[in-house]
């Protein structure tokens, strides 16, 4: 009996040594990048609002005729990793300099569908970028807001209609309880 127990224990110990060799690798957190779109229809988010994606995710942008005749796309690299040359703006929140320079295709982004001159383009984002639509021979500044005209969107309605409905329903309930009390006598 002792020999069988010793044999089983030795087999279990040998199996325990190989467990780490067959273990799956721990998941690694993907790098997060930010994308801002200026003067274009942005399928994944709002214009001029910075969104956070995983590095390697794709975004689709479309030219918007309300800005004029579309000419091309410009893609700029942003953030602290950008080289020191180019336009420099001062961030009021953390007083750190945020640099904006032309992005390099293949290093900062990859074009998946379309081109820099097509009205619709899908890119794979590898670093933080700003995508700008250029219209009427004007190059869009990546650091300026698009001045989006949201006049076609109506203001959100208030809850006043809900209040009126609630008051009418409460009045009807009070009336019903009053009638029930009168007839129950």
C-alpha atoms as a PDB file:
ATOM      1  CA  UNK A   1       0.000   0.000   0.000  1.00  0.00           C
ATOM      2  CA  UNK A   2       2.825   2.361   0.833  1.00  0.00           C
ATOM      3  CA  UNK A   3       4.348   1.780  -2.586  1.00  0.00           C
ATOM      4  CA  UNK A   4       1.096   2.661  -4.366  1.00  0.00           C
ATOM      5  CA  UNK A   5       0.672   5.879  -2.354  1.00  0.00           C
ATOM      6  CA  UNK A   6       4.294   6.836  -3.054  1.00  0.00           C
ATOM      7  CA  UNK A   7       3.807   6.138  -6.777  1.00  0.00           C
ATOM      8  CA  UNK A   8       0.615   8.223  -6.920  1.00  0.00           C
ATOM      9  CA  UNK A   9       2.268  11.105  -5.036  1.00  0.00           C
ATOM     10  CA  UNK A  10       5.279  11.072  -7.356  1.00  0.00           C
ATOM     11  CA  UNK A  11       3.009  11.133 -10.430  1.00  0.00           C
ATOM     12  CA  UNK A  12       1.013  14.044  -8.948  1.00  0.00           C
ATOM     13  CA  UNK A  13       4.244  15.947  -8.232  1.00  0.00           C
ATOM     14  CA  UNK A  14       5.500  15.386 -11.793  1.00  0.00           C
ATOM     15  CA  UNK A  15       2.188  16.665 -13.163  1.00  0.00           C
ATOM     16  CA  UNK A  16       2.391  19.725 -10.884  1.00  0.00           C
ATOM     17  CA  UNK A  17       5.795  20.652 -12.324  1.00  0.00           C
ATOM     18  CA  UNK A  18       4.348  20.778 -15.852  1.00  0.00           C
ATOM     19  CA  UNK A  19       1.305  22.894 -14.977  1.00  0.00           C
ATOM     20  CA  UNK A  20       3.114  26.222 -15.399  1.00  0.00           C
ATOM     21  CA  UNK A  21       4.556  25.114 -18.722  1.00  0.00           C
ATOM     22  CA  UNK A  22       1.066  24.693 -20.175  1.00  0.00           C
ATOM     23  CA  UNK A  23      -0.508  27.773 -18.578  1.00  0.00           C
ATOM     24  CA  UNK A  24      -1.956  30.424 -20.881  1.00  0.00           C
ATOM     25  CA  UNK A  25      -0.247  33.797 -20.976  1.00  0.00           C
ATOM     26  CA  UNK A  26      -1.823  36.522 -18.891  1.00  0.00           C
ATOM     27  CA  UNK A  27      -3.801  39.073 -20.874  1.00  0.00           C
ATOM     28  CA  UNK A  28      -1.829  42.221 -21.563  1.00  0.00           C
ATOM     29  CA  UNK A  29      -3.513  45.598 -21.392  1.00  0.00           C
ATOM     30  CA  UNK A  30      -3.658  47.194 -24.821  1.00  0.00           C
ATOM     31  CA  UNK A  31      -2.299  50.669 -25.326  1.00  0.00           C
ATOM     32  CA  UNK A  32      -4.964  53.376 -25.317  1.00  0.00           C
ATOM     33  CA  UNK A  33      -4.911  56.135 -27.933  1.00  0.00           C
ATOM     34  CA  UNK A  34      -7.106  59.182 -28.474  1.00  0.00           C
ATOM     35  CA  UNK A  35      -8.756  60.287 -31.708  1.00  0.00           C
ATOM     36  CA  UNK A  36     -10.254  63.688 -32.501  1.00  0.00           C
ATOM     37  CA  UNK A  37     -12.081  64.435 -35.764  1.00  0.00           C
ATOM     38  CA  UNK A  38     -12.388  67.958 -37.163  1.00  0.00           C
ATOM     39  CA  UNK A  39     -14.792  69.031 -39.950  1.00  0.00           C
ATOM     40  CA  UNK A  40     -16.161  65.615 -40.911  1.00  0.00           C
ATOM     41  CA  UNK A  41     -18.913  63.134 -40.151  1.00  0.00           C
ATOM     42  CA  UNK A  42     -17.503  60.808 -37.530  1.00  0.00           C
ATOM     43  CA  UNK A  43     -19.174  57.407 -37.508  1.00  0.00           C
ATOM     44  CA  UNK A  44     -17.886  56.306 -34.070  1.00  0.00           C
ATOM     45  CA  UNK A  45     -18.338  59.531 -32.094  1.00  0.00           C
ATOM     46  CA  UNK A  46     -18.937  63.267 -32.027  1.00  0.00           C
ATOM     47  CA  UNK A  47     -16.968  65.866 -33.958  1.00  0.00           C
ATOM     48  CA  UNK A  48     -14.292  67.738 -31.963  1.00  0.00           C
ATOM     49  CA  UNK A  49     -14.669  65.410 -28.973  1.00  0.00           C
ATOM     50  CA  UNK A  50     -11.682  63.305 -28.057  1.00  0.00           C
ATOM     51  CA  UNK A  51     -12.501  59.605 -27.829  1.00  0.00           C
ATOM     52  CA  UNK A  52     -10.304  56.871 -26.415  1.00  0.00           C
ATOM     53  CA  UNK A  53      -9.699  53.663 -28.367  1.00  0.00           C
ATOM     54  CA  UNK A  54      -7.377  50.694 -28.144  1.00  0.00           C
ATOM     55  CA  UNK A  55      -4.334  50.964 -30.380  1.00  0.00           C
ATOM     56  CA  UNK A  56      -5.155  49.070 -33.577  1.00  0.00           C
ATOM     57  CA  UNK A  57      -8.890  49.913 -33.597  1.00  0.00           C
ATOM     58  CA  UNK A  58     -10.381  51.398 -36.758  1.00  0.00           C
ATOM     59  CA  UNK A  59     -12.414  54.568 -37.288  1.00  0.00           C
ATOM     60  CA  UNK A  60     -14.396  55.750 -40.297  1.00  0.00           C
ATOM     61  CA  UNK A  61     -14.709  59.413 -41.297  1.00  0.00           C
ATOM     62  CA  UNK A  62     -16.836  60.913 -44.072  1.00  0.00           C
ATOM     63  CA  UNK A  63     -16.631  64.313 -45.747  1.00  0.00           C
ATOM     64  CA  UNK A  64     -19.453  66.679 -44.810  1.00  0.00           C
ATOM     65  CA  UNK A  65     -20.684  68.953 -47.648  1.00  0.00           C
ATOM     66  CA  UNK A  66     -21.815  71.669 -45.212  1.00  0.00           C
ATOM     67  CA  UNK A  67     -18.153  72.750 -44.901  1.00  0.00           C
ATOM     68  CA  UNK A  68     -17.712  73.190 -48.664  1.00  0.00           C
ATOM     69  CA  UNK A  69     -16.146  71.154 -51.471  1.00  0.00           C
ATOM     70  CA  UNK A  70     -14.057  68.319 -50.066  1.00  0.00           C
ATOM     71  CA  UNK A  71     -10.391  68.213 -51.120  1.00  0.00           C
ATOM     72  CA  UNK A  72      -8.435  65.863 -48.839  1.00  0.00           C
ATOM     73  CA  UNK A  73      -7.788  64.499 -45.345  1.00  0.00           C
ATOM     74  CA  UNK A  74      -4.962  65.563 -43.037  1.00  0.00           C
ATOM     75  CA  UNK A  75      -3.896  63.351 -40.137  1.00  0.00           C
ATOM     76  CA  UNK A  76      -1.861  64.819 -37.291  1.00  0.00           C
ATOM     77  CA  UNK A  77      -0.090  63.109 -34.403  1.00  0.00           C
ATOM     78  CA  UNK A  78      -0.780  64.533 -30.963  1.00  0.00           C
ATOM     79  CA  UNK A  79       0.395  64.025 -27.435  1.00  0.00           C
ATOM     80  CA  UNK A  80       3.593  64.046 -25.444  1.00  0.00           C
ATOM     81  CA  UNK A  81       5.208  61.455 -27.735  1.00  0.00           C
ATOM     82  CA  UNK A  82       5.091  63.776 -30.737  1.00  0.00           C
ATOM     83  CA  UNK A  83       8.394  65.359 -31.773  1.00  0.00           C
ATOM     84  CA  UNK A  84       9.151  68.885 -30.580  1.00  0.00           C
ATOM     85  CA  UNK A  85       8.745  70.460 -34.035  1.00  0.00           C
ATOM     86  CA  UNK A  86       5.428  71.724 -35.325  1.00  0.00           C
ATOM     87  CA  UNK A  87       2.594  73.631 -33.704  1.00  0.00           C
ATOM     88  CA  UNK A  88       2.720  73.763 -29.918  1.00  0.00           C
ATOM     89  CA  UNK A  89      -0.257  74.583 -27.715  1.00  0.00           C
ATOM     90  CA  UNK A  90      -0.369  75.032 -23.959  1.00  0.00           C
ATOM     91  CA  UNK A  91      -2.723  72.829 -22.004  1.00  0.00           C
ATOM     92  CA  UNK A  92      -4.401  74.908 -19.304  1.00  0.00           C
ATOM     93  CA  UNK A  93      -5.258  71.920 -17.115  1.00  0.00           C
ATOM     94  CA  UNK A  94      -1.826  70.409 -16.563  1.00  0.00           C
ATOM     95  CA  UNK A  95       0.409  73.150 -18.003  1.00  0.00           C
ATOM     96  CA  UNK A  96       2.150  70.569 -20.173  1.00  0.00           C
ATOM     97  CA  UNK A  97       2.857  71.190 -23.827  1.00  0.00           C
ATOM     98  CA  UNK A  98       0.818  69.190 -26.290  1.00  0.00           C
ATOM     99  CA  UNK A  99       2.464  68.929 -29.686  1.00  0.00           C
ATOM    100  CA  UNK A 100       0.676  68.509 -33.014  1.00  0.00           C
ATOM    101  CA  UNK A 101       2.641  67.410 -36.093  1.00  0.00           C
ATOM    102  CA  UNK A 102       1.840  65.605 -39.350  1.00  0.00           C
ATOM    103  CA  UNK A 103       1.275  61.903 -38.673  1.00  0.00           C
ATOM    104  CA  UNK A 104       3.218  59.287 -40.594  1.00  0.00           C
ATOM    105  CA  UNK A 105       1.201  56.670 -42.460  1.00  0.00           C
ATOM    106  CA  UNK A 106       2.291  53.195 -41.382  1.00  0.00           C
ATOM    107  CA  UNK A 107       3.692  54.455 -38.070  1.00  0.00           C
ATOM    108  CA  UNK A 108       0.846  56.494 -36.549  1.00  0.00           C
ATOM    109  CA  UNK A 109      -2.056  55.177 -38.636  1.00  0.00           C
ATOM    110  CA  UNK A 110      -2.814  52.822 -41.515  1.00  0.00           C
ATOM    111  CA  UNK A 111      -5.435  53.405 -44.197  1.00  0.00           C
ATOM    112  CA  UNK A 112      -7.743  50.381 -44.296  1.00  0.00           C
ATOM    113  CA  UNK A 113     -10.316  51.659 -46.799  1.00  0.00           C
ATOM    114  CA  UNK A 114     -10.297  54.704 -49.067  1.00  0.00           C
ATOM    115  CA  UNK A 115      -7.458  57.213 -49.365  1.00  0.00           C
ATOM    116  CA  UNK A 116      -6.486  60.704 -48.200  1.00  0.00           C
ATOM    117  CA  UNK A 117      -8.384  62.130 -51.189  1.00  0.00           C
ATOM    118  CA  UNK A 118     -11.556  59.986 -51.032  1.00  0.00           C
ATOM    119  CA  UNK A 119     -14.672  61.344 -49.323  1.00  0.00           C
ATOM    120  CA  UNK A 120     -14.856  58.356 -46.957  1.00  0.00           C
ATOM    121  CA  UNK A 121     -11.857  56.833 -45.245  1.00  0.00           C
ATOM    122  CA  UNK A 122     -11.338  54.090 -42.667  1.00  0.00           C
ATOM    123  CA  UNK A 123      -8.057  54.100 -40.755  1.00  0.00           C
ATOM    124  CA  UNK A 124      -6.448  51.860 -38.153  1.00  0.00           C
ATOM    125  CA  UNK A 125      -5.214  54.079 -35.327  1.00  0.00           C
ATOM    126  CA  UNK A 126      -1.766  53.196 -33.941  1.00  0.00           C
ATOM    127  CA  UNK A 127      -1.034  56.455 -32.022  1.00  0.00           C
ATOM    128  CA  UNK A 128      -3.108  59.412 -30.817  1.00  0.00           C
ATOM    129  CA  UNK A 129      -4.227  61.391 -33.873  1.00  0.00           C
ATOM    130  CA  UNK A 130      -6.393  64.261 -35.081  1.00  0.00           C
ATOM    131  CA  UNK A 131      -8.162  63.641 -38.414  1.00  0.00           C
ATOM    132  CA  UNK A 132      -9.116  66.812 -40.299  1.00  0.00           C
ATOM    133  CA  UNK A 133     -11.223  67.238 -43.397  1.00  0.00           C
ATOM    134  CA  UNK A 134      -9.883  69.928 -45.780  1.00  0.00           C
ATOM    135  CA  UNK A 135     -12.424  71.877 -47.849  1.00  0.00           C
ATOM    136  CA  UNK A 136     -12.255  74.574 -50.559  1.00  0.00           C
ATOM    137  CA  UNK A 137      -8.433  74.699 -50.729  1.00  0.00           C
ATOM    138  CA  UNK A 138      -8.218  75.464 -46.986  1.00  0.00           C
ATOM    139  CA  UNK A 139      -6.170  73.282 -44.660  1.00  0.00           C
ATOM    140  CA  UNK A 140      -8.031  72.679 -41.385  1.00  0.00           C
ATOM    141  CA  UNK A 141      -6.115  73.617 -38.246  1.00  0.00           C
ATOM    142  CA  UNK A 142      -6.029  70.524 -35.983  1.00  0.00           C
ATOM    143  CA  UNK A 143      -6.065  72.680 -32.834  1.00  0.00           C
ATOM    144  CA  UNK A 144      -9.251  74.647 -33.630  1.00  0.00           C
ATOM    145  CA  UNK A 145     -12.822  73.529 -33.098  1.00  0.00           C
ATOM    146  CA  UNK A 146     -14.929  72.923 -36.206  1.00  0.00           C
ATOM    147  CA  UNK A 147     -17.651  75.409 -35.190  1.00  0.00           C
ATOM    148  CA  UNK A 148     -20.232  72.717 -35.758  1.00  0.00           C
ATOM    149  CA  UNK A 149     -23.654  74.047 -36.706  1.00  0.00           C
ATOM    150  CA  UNK A 150     -26.178  71.930 -34.849  1.00  0.00           C
ATOM    151  CA  UNK A 151     -29.170  74.046 -35.905  1.00  0.00           C
ATOM    152  CA  UNK A 152     -30.886  71.007 -37.434  1.00  0.00           C
ATOM    153  CA  UNK A 153     -31.020  69.411 -33.997  1.00  0.00           C
ATOM    154  CA  UNK A 154     -33.859  70.525 -31.767  1.00  0.00           C
ATOM    155  CA  UNK A 155     -33.415  71.469 -28.145  1.00  0.00           C
ATOM    156  CA  UNK A 156     -34.191  68.686 -25.715  1.00  0.00           C
ATOM    157  CA  UNK A 157     -37.755  68.864 -24.446  1.00  0.00           C
ATOM    158  CA  UNK A 158     -38.392  69.360 -20.768  1.00  0.00           C
ATOM    159  CA  UNK A 159     -40.381  67.169 -18.443  1.00  0.00           C
ATOM    160  CA  UNK A 160     -43.349  69.550 -18.238  1.00  0.00           C
ATOM    161  CA  UNK A 161     -45.604  67.250 -20.257  1.00  0.00           C
ATOM    162  CA  UNK A 162     -44.921  64.465 -17.765  1.00  0.00           C
ATOM    163  CA  UNK A 163     -45.893  66.792 -14.904  1.00  0.00           C
ATOM    164  CA  UNK A 164     -49.215  67.635 -16.574  1.00  0.00           C
ATOM    165  CA  UNK A 165     -50.004  63.967 -17.163  1.00  0.00           C
ATOM    166  CA  UNK A 166     -49.140  63.138 -13.540  1.00  0.00           C
ATOM    167  CA  UNK A 167     -51.409  65.917 -12.249  1.00  0.00           C
ATOM    168  CA  UNK A 168     -54.321  64.743 -14.413  1.00  0.00           C
ATOM    169  CA  UNK A 169     -53.853  61.130 -13.279  1.00  0.00           C
ATOM    170  CA  UNK A 170     -53.674  62.158  -9.598  1.00  0.00           C
ATOM    171  CA  UNK A 171     -56.843  64.251 -10.012  1.00  0.00           C
ATOM    172  CA  UNK A 172     -58.617  61.304 -11.657  1.00  0.00           C
ATOM    173  CA  UNK A 173     -57.498  58.981  -8.849  1.00  0.00           C
ATOM    174  CA  UNK A 174     -58.738  61.452  -6.196  1.00  0.00           C
ATOM    175  CA  UNK A 175     -62.063  61.738  -8.007  1.00  0.00           C
ATOM    176  CA  UNK A 176     -62.425  57.929  -8.124  1.00  0.00           C
ATOM    177  CA  UNK A 177     -61.597  57.577  -4.417  1.00  0.00           C
ATOM    178  CA  UNK A 178     -64.114  60.333  -3.612  1.00  0.00           C
ATOM    179  CA  UNK A 179     -66.877  58.581  -5.572  1.00  0.00           C
ATOM    180  CA  UNK A 180     -66.042  55.245  -3.894  1.00  0.00           C
ATOM    181  CA  UNK A 181     -66.251  56.846  -0.451  1.00  0.00           C
ATOM    182  CA  UNK A 182     -69.636  58.453  -1.218  1.00  0.00           C
ATOM    183  CA  UNK A 183     -71.175  55.216  -2.504  1.00  0.00           C
ATOM    184  CA  UNK A 184     -69.713  53.041   0.233  1.00  0.00           C
ATOM    185  CA  UNK A 185     -71.875  54.717   2.918  1.00  0.00           C
END
